[in-house]
């Protein structure tokens, strides 16, 4: 790995040995939460305590150990549909002799709690008190504009429920960059996955995986993109300090571990990075 100090980059841009320019790129896939949107920033602070509350303690088990287990279960599935984290919770409860509810119940309870946290943000966007760019990962709009100018087709695929992704995309004024290509989780979780979206992009557009570029902060979109031969840019975003220019080190390590070709903290270097990707 190396972090270039070239003057063409204003901030941190880390290239893995696997990186090579892809001037043939024609389609671009984005994750949503943590990659484009920070409306749901802080979601682990809702999910982790809920899991700790629901998970029976083992005899003599300190709460901190339970919290650590829950955090690792949750983050290891980050990027997949929310239901998978709830399925893991139900499995843990069963392991400990409890009688879990249906995973879908846990998902809806989590979403209810999360709504309490983010309500002020969505209402701020609706009322105009907050500007859309206030809740976009730093530099996002410049990147989307540049991709549009290059004539590339952009897709959005999120582990968050599709109805929320579409509503929040509208609030953030990014729907226009994706059009009808916005996909999210379904209550019938087997009807959606990021892998299915990638397969659809390649099939419907009759392109090889080498023409796909992906940006994401979860391991799923990085791993799935690499599996088809695409170029994967990991966005190790510091969501709680948007615009800090610092890596979230946990994300950075996790995403490099599943094969990311490039790691960035945000999109401040979007234009020079695109130049590097598209210049053979």
Protein backbone atom coordinates (compact mmCIF):
# COMPACT_ATOMS: atom_id res chain seq x y z
CA UNK A 1 0.00 0.00 0.00
CA UNK A 2 1.08 3.56 -0.41
CA UNK A 3 -0.40 6.92 0.40
CA UNK A 4 0.62 9.30 -2.39
CA UNK A 5 1.96 12.68 -1.41
CA UNK A 6 1.57 13.88 -4.98
CA UNK A 7 0.33 17.46 -5.18
CA UNK A 8 -2.54 16.21 -7.38
CA UNK A 9 -4.22 14.93 -4.21
CA UNK A 10 -5.26 17.32 -1.47
CA UNK A 11 -5.90 14.59 1.11
CA UNK A 12 -5.42 10.91 1.84
CA UNK A 13 -5.71 8.56 -1.13
CA UNK A 14 -4.38 5.05 -0.58
CA UNK A 15 -3.80 2.74 -3.53
CA UNK A 16 -3.50 -1.02 -3.12
CA UNK A 17 -1.11 -3.03 -5.28
CA UNK A 18 -4.16 -4.28 -7.21
CA UNK A 19 -4.99 -0.81 -8.55
CA UNK A 20 -4.74 -0.22 -12.28
CA UNK A 21 -6.46 2.47 -14.40
CA UNK A 22 -9.81 1.51 -15.97
CA UNK A 23 -10.41 3.86 -18.91
CA UNK A 24 -13.08 1.42 -20.19
CA UNK A 25 -15.33 2.04 -17.13
CA UNK A 26 -18.93 2.67 -18.18
CA UNK A 27 -21.12 2.02 -15.10
CA UNK A 28 -20.74 3.09 -11.48
CA UNK A 29 -22.30 1.56 -8.37
CA UNK A 30 -22.70 3.43 -5.09
CA UNK A 31 -23.65 2.32 -1.63
CA UNK A 32 -25.83 4.87 0.20
CA UNK A 33 -25.42 5.22 3.97
CA UNK A 34 -21.89 6.23 4.92
CA UNK A 35 -20.86 6.46 1.26
CA UNK A 36 -23.18 9.22 0.04
CA UNK A 37 -25.57 9.96 2.91
CA UNK A 38 -24.88 10.70 6.57
CA UNK A 39 -28.56 11.10 7.47
CA UNK A 40 -28.25 7.81 9.40
CA UNK A 41 -24.88 8.63 10.96
CA UNK A 42 -24.67 7.07 14.42
CA UNK A 43 -26.89 4.10 13.62
CA UNK A 44 -24.61 1.70 15.58
CA UNK A 45 -25.36 3.78 18.69
CA UNK A 46 -28.96 2.66 18.26
CA UNK A 47 -28.44 -0.91 17.12
CA UNK A 48 -25.73 -1.98 19.59
CA UNK A 49 -27.63 -0.98 22.78
CA UNK A 50 -30.78 -2.61 21.39
CA UNK A 51 -28.91 -5.88 20.80
CA UNK A 52 -27.35 -5.75 24.28
CA UNK A 53 -30.81 -5.15 25.76
CA UNK A 54 -32.34 -8.10 23.87
CA UNK A 55 -29.48 -10.61 24.34
CA UNK A 56 -29.66 -12.75 27.49
CA UNK A 57 -26.53 -12.52 29.63
CA UNK A 58 -24.52 -15.64 30.40
CA UNK A 59 -23.85 -16.32 34.09
CA UNK A 60 -21.23 -13.87 35.32
CA UNK A 61 -20.89 -12.24 31.89
CA UNK A 62 -20.09 -8.52 32.16
CA UNK A 63 -22.17 -6.17 30.03
CA UNK A 64 -19.02 -4.95 28.26
CA UNK A 65 -18.34 -8.45 26.92
CA UNK A 66 -21.91 -8.68 25.63
CA UNK A 67 -21.59 -5.26 24.05
CA UNK A 68 -18.34 -6.26 22.30
CA UNK A 69 -19.96 -9.43 20.92
CA UNK A 70 -22.96 -7.48 19.64
CA UNK A 71 -20.77 -4.78 18.07
CA UNK A 72 -18.65 -7.33 16.23
CA UNK A 73 -21.72 -9.23 14.99
CA UNK A 74 -23.28 -6.00 13.73
CA UNK A 75 -20.22 -4.55 12.03
CA UNK A 76 -19.21 -7.84 10.41
CA UNK A 77 -22.52 -7.67 8.49
CA UNK A 78 -22.38 -3.94 7.70
CA UNK A 79 -23.35 -3.36 4.08
CA UNK A 80 -25.75 -6.28 3.92
CA UNK A 81 -29.48 -5.78 4.39
CA UNK A 82 -30.39 -4.83 7.96
CA UNK A 83 -32.39 -8.06 8.31
CA UNK A 84 -29.16 -10.10 8.35
CA UNK A 85 -28.03 -8.34 11.52
CA UNK A 86 -31.43 -9.12 13.06
CA UNK A 87 -31.16 -12.77 12.00
CA UNK A 88 -27.80 -12.90 13.75
CA UNK A 89 -29.34 -11.42 16.90
CA UNK A 90 -32.11 -14.03 16.86
CA UNK A 91 -29.51 -16.77 16.46
CA UNK A 92 -27.48 -15.45 19.41
CA UNK A 93 -30.59 -15.31 21.60
CA UNK A 94 -31.37 -18.93 20.67
CA UNK A 95 -27.77 -20.00 21.42
CA UNK A 96 -28.21 -18.63 24.93
CA UNK A 97 -31.44 -20.49 25.60
CA UNK A 98 -33.79 -17.61 24.83
CA UNK A 99 -36.86 -17.56 22.60
CA UNK A 100 -36.22 -14.95 19.92
CA UNK A 101 -38.91 -13.05 18.05
CA UNK A 102 -38.98 -13.06 14.26
CA UNK A 103 -36.00 -11.14 12.79
CA UNK A 104 -38.45 -8.82 11.00
CA UNK A 105 -39.83 -7.73 14.39
CA UNK A 106 -36.33 -6.75 15.54
CA UNK A 107 -35.76 -4.89 12.28
CA UNK A 108 -38.94 -2.83 12.66
CA UNK A 109 -38.13 -2.08 16.31
CA UNK A 110 -34.63 -0.93 15.32
CA UNK A 111 -36.05 1.30 12.57
CA UNK A 112 -38.51 2.81 15.07
CA UNK A 113 -35.66 3.69 17.42
CA UNK A 114 -33.47 4.97 14.60
CA UNK A 115 -36.27 7.23 13.35
CA UNK A 116 -36.23 8.99 16.73
CA UNK A 117 -32.54 9.77 16.22
CA UNK A 118 -32.71 10.98 12.63
CA UNK A 119 -36.11 12.72 12.67
CA UNK A 120 -34.52 16.14 13.25
CA UNK A 121 -32.25 15.65 10.24
CA UNK A 122 -34.97 14.65 7.80
CA UNK A 123 -37.27 17.41 9.08
CA UNK A 124 -34.41 19.91 8.78
CA UNK A 125 -33.99 18.93 5.13
CA UNK A 126 -37.73 19.16 4.47
CA UNK A 127 -38.02 22.59 6.10
CA UNK A 128 -34.88 24.01 4.50
CA UNK A 129 -33.10 24.52 7.83
CA UNK A 130 -30.51 22.04 6.57
CA UNK A 131 -29.06 22.08 3.06
CA UNK A 132 -28.80 18.73 1.24
CA UNK A 133 -25.01 18.99 1.07
CA UNK A 134 -24.88 19.30 4.88
CA UNK A 135 -25.82 15.62 5.07
CA UNK A 136 -23.82 14.31 2.12
CA UNK A 137 -20.38 12.80 2.61
CA UNK A 138 -17.93 15.62 1.91
CA UNK A 139 -17.42 16.19 -1.84
CA UNK A 140 -20.18 13.80 -2.99
CA UNK A 141 -21.97 16.20 -5.33
CA UNK A 142 -18.82 17.17 -7.22
CA UNK A 143 -18.14 13.49 -7.88
CA UNK A 144 -21.68 12.76 -9.05
CA UNK A 145 -21.60 15.81 -11.35
CA UNK A 146 -18.26 14.71 -12.79
CA UNK A 147 -19.51 11.18 -13.47
CA UNK A 148 -22.63 12.58 -15.13
CA UNK A 149 -20.50 14.86 -17.32
CA UNK A 150 -18.45 11.85 -18.40
CA UNK A 151 -21.67 10.14 -19.51
CA UNK A 152 -21.42 7.29 -17.03
CA UNK A 153 -24.54 5.52 -15.76
CA UNK A 154 -24.79 5.51 -11.94
CA UNK A 155 -26.62 3.01 -9.76
CA UNK A 156 -27.45 3.14 -6.06
CA UNK A 157 -27.76 -0.07 -3.99
CA UNK A 158 -28.33 0.01 -0.25
CA UNK A 159 -28.89 -2.43 2.59
CA UNK A 160 -31.40 0.10 3.93
CA UNK A 161 -35.06 -0.42 2.95
CA UNK A 162 -35.74 0.84 -0.57
CA UNK A 163 -38.57 3.17 0.46
CA UNK A 164 -36.24 5.03 2.83
CA UNK A 165 -33.36 5.14 0.34
CA UNK A 166 -35.62 6.70 -2.30
CA UNK A 167 -37.12 9.21 0.15
CA UNK A 168 -33.74 10.22 1.55
CA UNK A 169 -32.21 10.46 -1.94
CA UNK A 170 -34.94 12.99 -2.76
CA UNK A 171 -34.22 14.98 0.40
CA UNK A 172 -30.52 15.02 -0.48
CA UNK A 173 -31.26 15.99 -4.10
CA UNK A 174 -29.28 13.08 -5.54
CA UNK A 175 -32.11 11.15 -7.23
CA UNK A 176 -31.38 13.01 -10.46
CA UNK A 177 -27.97 11.34 -10.73
CA UNK A 178 -29.44 7.82 -10.49
CA UNK A 179 -32.90 8.10 -12.04
CA UNK A 180 -34.69 4.77 -11.82
CA UNK A 181 -31.52 2.94 -10.75
CA UNK A 182 -32.10 3.14 -6.98
CA UNK A 183 -32.37 -0.18 -5.17
CA UNK A 184 -32.73 -1.11 -1.51
CA UNK A 185 -33.68 -3.83 0.92
CA UNK A 186 -37.08 -5.53 0.86
CA UNK A 187 -39.02 -7.16 3.70
CA UNK A 188 -38.64 -10.34 1.63
CA UNK A 189 -34.87 -10.17 1.90
CA UNK A 190 -34.32 -12.85 -0.77
CA UNK A 191 -35.63 -10.42 -3.41
CA UNK A 192 -32.63 -8.09 -3.08
CA UNK A 193 -28.87 -8.14 -2.65
CA UNK A 194 -26.06 -5.96 -3.91
CA UNK A 195 -24.72 -8.97 -5.77
CA UNK A 196 -28.07 -9.23 -7.62
CA UNK A 197 -27.86 -5.54 -8.56
CA UNK A 198 -24.33 -5.99 -9.91
CA UNK A 199 -25.39 -9.05 -11.93
CA UNK A 200 -28.30 -7.03 -13.31
CA UNK A 201 -26.03 -4.14 -14.34
CA UNK A 202 -23.73 -6.49 -16.24
CA UNK A 203 -26.57 -8.49 -17.81
CA UNK A 204 -28.84 -5.63 -18.88
CA UNK A 205 -26.00 -3.53 -20.26
CA UNK A 206 -24.11 -6.49 -21.76
CA UNK A 207 -20.83 -5.39 -20.23
CA UNK A 208 -17.98 -7.31 -18.57
CA UNK A 209 -17.26 -6.74 -14.88
CA UNK A 210 -14.09 -4.84 -15.80
CA UNK A 211 -16.28 -1.91 -16.86
CA UNK A 212 -17.80 -1.55 -13.38
CA UNK A 213 -16.55 0.97 -10.80
CA UNK A 214 -17.94 0.87 -7.25
CA UNK A 215 -17.78 3.20 -4.25
CA UNK A 216 -18.76 1.91 -0.82
CA UNK A 217 -18.05 1.90 2.90
CA UNK A 218 -19.31 -1.67 3.52
CA UNK A 219 -17.51 -4.87 2.69
CA UNK A 220 -20.37 -6.31 0.59
CA UNK A 221 -20.22 -3.92 -2.36
CA UNK A 222 -16.40 -4.02 -2.34
CA UNK A 223 -16.28 -7.81 -2.27
CA UNK A 224 -19.06 -8.27 -4.85
CA UNK A 225 -17.41 -5.77 -7.23
CA UNK A 226 -14.05 -7.51 -6.97
CA UNK A 227 -15.69 -10.89 -7.59
CA UNK A 228 -16.78 -9.78 -11.07
CA UNK A 229 -13.48 -8.05 -11.88
CA UNK A 230 -14.59 -4.46 -11.23
CA UNK A 231 -12.62 -1.63 -9.62
CA UNK A 232 -13.55 -1.02 -5.97
CA UNK A 233 -13.03 2.29 -4.17
CA UNK A 234 -13.50 2.01 -0.41
CA UNK A 235 -14.90 5.11 1.28
CA UNK A 236 -13.58 4.79 4.84
CA UNK A 237 -15.69 7.75 5.89
CA UNK A 238 -15.46 9.36 9.32
CA UNK A 239 -19.22 9.92 9.47
CA UNK A 240 -19.31 11.56 12.89
CA UNK A 241 -16.79 14.18 11.73
CA UNK A 242 -17.82 14.70 8.13
CA UNK A 243 -15.15 16.61 6.21
CA UNK A 244 -12.36 15.80 8.68
CA UNK A 245 -10.39 14.12 5.90
CA UNK A 246 -9.46 11.29 8.28
CA UNK A 247 -9.97 7.59 7.68
CA UNK A 248 -12.27 5.55 9.87
CA UNK A 249 -9.51 3.06 10.64
CA UNK A 250 -11.88 0.13 11.29
CA UNK A 251 -13.48 0.62 7.87
CA UNK A 252 -10.11 1.09 6.19
CA UNK A 253 -8.69 -2.18 7.53
CA UNK A 254 -11.89 -4.12 6.85
CA UNK A 255 -12.24 -2.87 3.27
CA UNK A 256 -8.61 -3.38 2.34
CA UNK A 257 -9.04 -6.89 3.74
CA UNK A 258 -11.76 -7.71 1.18
CA UNK A 259 -9.77 -6.37 -1.75
CA UNK A 260 -10.41 -2.63 -2.12
CA UNK A 261 -8.22 -1.15 -4.85
CA UNK A 262 -8.30 2.39 -3.45
CA UNK A 263 -9.23 3.83 -0.05
CA UNK A 264 -10.39 7.41 0.48
CA UNK A 265 -11.86 9.16 3.55
CA UNK A 266 -14.34 11.24 1.49
CA UNK A 267 -14.59 12.73 -1.99
CA UNK A 268 -12.36 15.81 -1.66
CA UNK A 269 -10.03 14.25 -4.26
CA UNK A 270 -12.80 12.98 -6.52
CA UNK A 271 -11.65 14.75 -9.69
CA UNK A 272 -7.95 13.83 -9.57
CA UNK A 273 -8.94 10.29 -8.56
CA UNK A 274 -11.23 9.98 -11.59
CA UNK A 275 -8.40 11.26 -13.76
CA UNK A 276 -6.15 8.54 -12.33
CA UNK A 277 -8.81 5.87 -12.92
CA UNK A 278 -9.61 6.94 -16.48
CA UNK A 279 -6.08 7.65 -17.68
CA UNK A 280 -4.45 4.57 -19.17
